[in-house]
Amino acid sequence: MKQNRHQKIAELITEYEIETQEELAEKLREAGFNVTQATISRDIRQMNLSKVPAGNGRQKYVILRPEDSAMSEKYIRVLKDAFVSMDMAQNILVMRTVSGMAMAVAAALDAMHFKELVGCIAGDDTVMMAVRSVEDTRILMGKIRELIH
């Protein structure tokens, strides 16, 4: 039962941007699982779920392995250190970086697995990002702003 519930939690937090334990409990109940607050709290601990920025000032649960946490901090540090500016052109997001840092920023962005991001191309001081839609471009810009500030 617990294994099935954990599998469903993993599916739910991948599919939806779940910010609170109450939202997670609601989604589990909709999926046919009878859960309590204590069960949800225990599952979050056992599955090593963590909250990360989801954009628009919101957060969401993700499964974070210990090595991911250190890597995420490194990627965020690369973004913070290299970021100069960003602008959008429809579903293309262009980020200016400190000279020589675009490749590192592109690699960091790709490794962060933003669902809105299709891929990155980097030059010396510019990263071009192909984003799924215009709306996703706005969302991704918000997520990046949250990470660098």
Protein backbone atom coordinates (compact mmCIF):
# COMPACT_ATOMS: atom_id res chain seq x y z
CA MET A 1 0.00 0.00 0.00
CA LYS A 2 2.75 2.46 0.99
CA GLN A 3 4.75 1.65 -2.14
CA ASN A 4 1.68 2.29 -4.32
CA ARG A 5 1.01 5.55 -2.50
CA HIS A 6 4.63 6.68 -2.89
CA GLN A 7 4.49 5.85 -6.60
CA LYS A 8 1.27 7.89 -6.93
CA ILE A 9 2.83 10.81 -5.02
CA ALA A 10 5.79 10.77 -7.42
CA GLU A 11 3.38 10.84 -10.39
CA LEU A 12 1.28 13.64 -8.88
CA ILE A 13 4.18 15.97 -8.07
CA THR A 14 5.56 15.43 -11.56
CA GLU A 15 2.22 16.16 -13.23
CA TYR A 16 1.02 19.01 -10.98
CA GLU A 17 2.72 21.87 -9.18
CA ILE A 18 1.70 20.83 -5.67
CA GLU A 19 2.62 23.43 -3.08
CA THR A 20 1.09 22.17 0.19
CA GLN A 21 0.48 18.96 2.07
CA GLU A 22 -3.24 19.69 1.85
CA GLU A 23 -3.07 19.87 -1.97
CA LEU A 24 -1.16 16.57 -2.03
CA ALA A 25 -3.69 14.92 0.30
CA GLU A 26 -6.56 16.15 -1.89
CA LYS A 27 -4.96 14.74 -5.07
CA LEU A 28 -4.30 11.41 -3.32
CA ARG A 29 -7.91 11.22 -2.12
CA GLU A 30 -9.10 11.93 -5.68
CA ALA A 31 -6.92 9.00 -6.77
CA GLY A 32 -8.58 6.71 -4.22
CA PHE A 33 -6.06 6.82 -1.36
CA ASN A 34 -7.40 7.37 2.16
CA VAL A 35 -4.67 9.50 3.78
CA THR A 36 -4.24 11.59 6.92
CA GLN A 37 -2.06 14.63 7.58
CA ALA A 38 0.35 12.43 9.56
CA THR A 39 0.62 9.97 6.64
CA ILE A 40 1.38 12.76 4.17
CA SER A 41 4.00 14.27 6.47
CA ARG A 42 5.68 10.87 6.93
CA ASP A 43 5.59 10.18 3.18
CA ILE A 44 7.22 13.56 2.45
CA ARG A 45 10.03 12.74 4.87
CA GLN A 46 10.50 9.15 3.62
CA MET A 47 10.50 10.18 -0.04
CA ASN A 48 12.87 13.09 0.65
CA LEU A 49 10.51 15.59 -0.97
CA SER A 50 11.61 19.19 -1.01
CA LYS A 51 10.08 22.46 -2.17
CA VAL A 52 11.60 24.39 -5.05
CA PRO A 53 10.50 27.59 -6.80
CA ALA A 54 7.66 26.96 -9.26
CA GLY A 55 7.28 30.50 -10.57
CA ASN A 56 4.86 33.31 -9.72
CA GLY A 57 6.08 33.30 -6.12
CA ARG A 58 4.84 29.75 -5.62
CA GLN A 59 6.73 26.63 -4.65
CA LYS A 60 6.22 22.98 -5.50
CA TYR A 61 7.26 19.60 -4.17
CA VAL A 62 9.95 17.61 -5.97
CA ILE A 63 11.82 14.42 -5.12
CA LEU A 64 15.31 15.53 -4.17
CA ARG A 65 18.11 13.03 -3.82
CA PRO A 66 20.98 14.23 -1.55
CA GLU A 67 23.37 14.63 -4.49
CA ASP A 68 20.70 16.65 -6.36
CA SER A 69 20.57 19.20 -3.56
CA ALA A 70 24.29 19.97 -3.82
CA MET A 71 24.11 20.05 -7.61
CA SER A 72 21.05 22.32 -7.61
CA GLU A 73 22.88 24.77 -5.37
CA LYS A 74 25.83 24.72 -7.79
CA TYR A 75 23.58 25.35 -10.78
CA ILE A 76 21.86 28.21 -8.99
CA ARG A 77 25.24 29.68 -8.08
CA VAL A 78 26.32 29.50 -11.74
CA LEU A 79 23.13 31.32 -12.74
CA LYS A 80 23.57 34.00 -10.07
CA ASP A 81 27.24 34.57 -10.86
CA ALA A 82 26.85 34.67 -14.64
CA PHE A 83 23.47 36.36 -15.17
CA VAL A 84 23.44 39.79 -16.82
CA SER A 85 19.95 40.07 -18.37
CA MET A 86 17.22 38.18 -20.19
CA ASP A 87 14.57 39.00 -22.74
CA MET A 88 11.97 37.04 -24.67
CA ALA A 89 10.97 36.88 -28.32
CA GLN A 90 7.77 34.80 -28.45
CA ASN A 91 8.81 31.33 -27.25
CA ILE A 92 12.54 32.07 -27.37
CA LEU A 93 14.23 33.25 -24.20
CA VAL A 94 17.61 34.95 -24.61
CA MET A 95 19.88 35.32 -21.61
CA ARG A 96 23.00 37.48 -21.57
CA THR A 97 25.80 36.28 -19.30
CA VAL A 98 29.22 37.36 -18.16
CA SER A 99 31.69 36.74 -21.00
CA GLY A 100 32.70 33.08 -21.24
CA MET A 101 29.88 31.80 -18.99
CA ALA A 102 27.11 31.05 -21.47
CA MET A 103 28.02 27.35 -21.86
CA ALA A 104 28.02 26.83 -18.09
CA VAL A 105 24.66 28.59 -17.76
CA ALA A 106 23.15 26.52 -20.61
CA ALA A 107 24.40 23.30 -18.99
CA ALA A 108 22.98 24.39 -15.61
CA LEU A 109 19.60 25.27 -17.13
CA ASP A 110 19.43 21.94 -18.98
CA ALA A 111 20.37 20.03 -15.82
CA MET A 112 17.63 21.76 -13.82
CA HIS A 113 14.99 20.09 -16.04
CA PHE A 114 12.50 22.93 -16.29
CA LYS A 115 9.41 21.42 -17.91
CA GLU A 116 8.94 24.60 -19.99
CA LEU A 117 12.42 24.38 -21.52
CA VAL A 118 13.02 22.33 -24.67
CA GLY A 119 16.75 23.07 -24.91
CA CYS A 120 19.55 25.64 -24.92
CA ILE A 121 22.18 26.84 -27.37
CA ALA A 122 25.10 28.84 -26.00
CA GLY A 123 27.70 31.17 -27.40
CA ASP A 124 30.28 33.11 -25.39
CA ASP A 125 27.96 35.45 -23.49
CA THR A 126 24.50 34.54 -24.79
CA VAL A 127 22.18 31.58 -24.20
CA MET A 128 19.23 31.02 -26.50
CA MET A 129 16.50 28.86 -24.99
CA ALA A 130 13.75 27.18 -26.98
CA VAL A 131 10.66 27.22 -24.78
CA ARG A 132 7.42 25.29 -25.37
CA SER A 133 5.11 28.34 -25.64
CA VAL A 134 4.92 32.09 -25.11
CA GLU A 135 3.18 31.54 -21.77
CA ASP A 136 5.83 29.01 -20.73
CA THR A 137 8.49 31.60 -21.61
CA ARG A 138 6.93 34.03 -19.12
CA ILE A 139 6.71 31.28 -16.50
CA LEU A 140 10.34 30.25 -17.05
CA MET A 141 11.49 33.87 -16.77
CA GLY A 142 9.72 34.08 -13.41
CA LYS A 143 11.35 30.89 -12.19
CA ILE A 144 14.80 32.09 -13.25
CA ARG A 145 14.24 35.48 -11.57
CA GLU A 146 13.29 33.71 -8.34
CA LEU A 147 16.43 31.59 -8.46
CA ILE A 148 18.85 34.46 -9.04
CA HIS A 149 17.39 36.86 -6.46
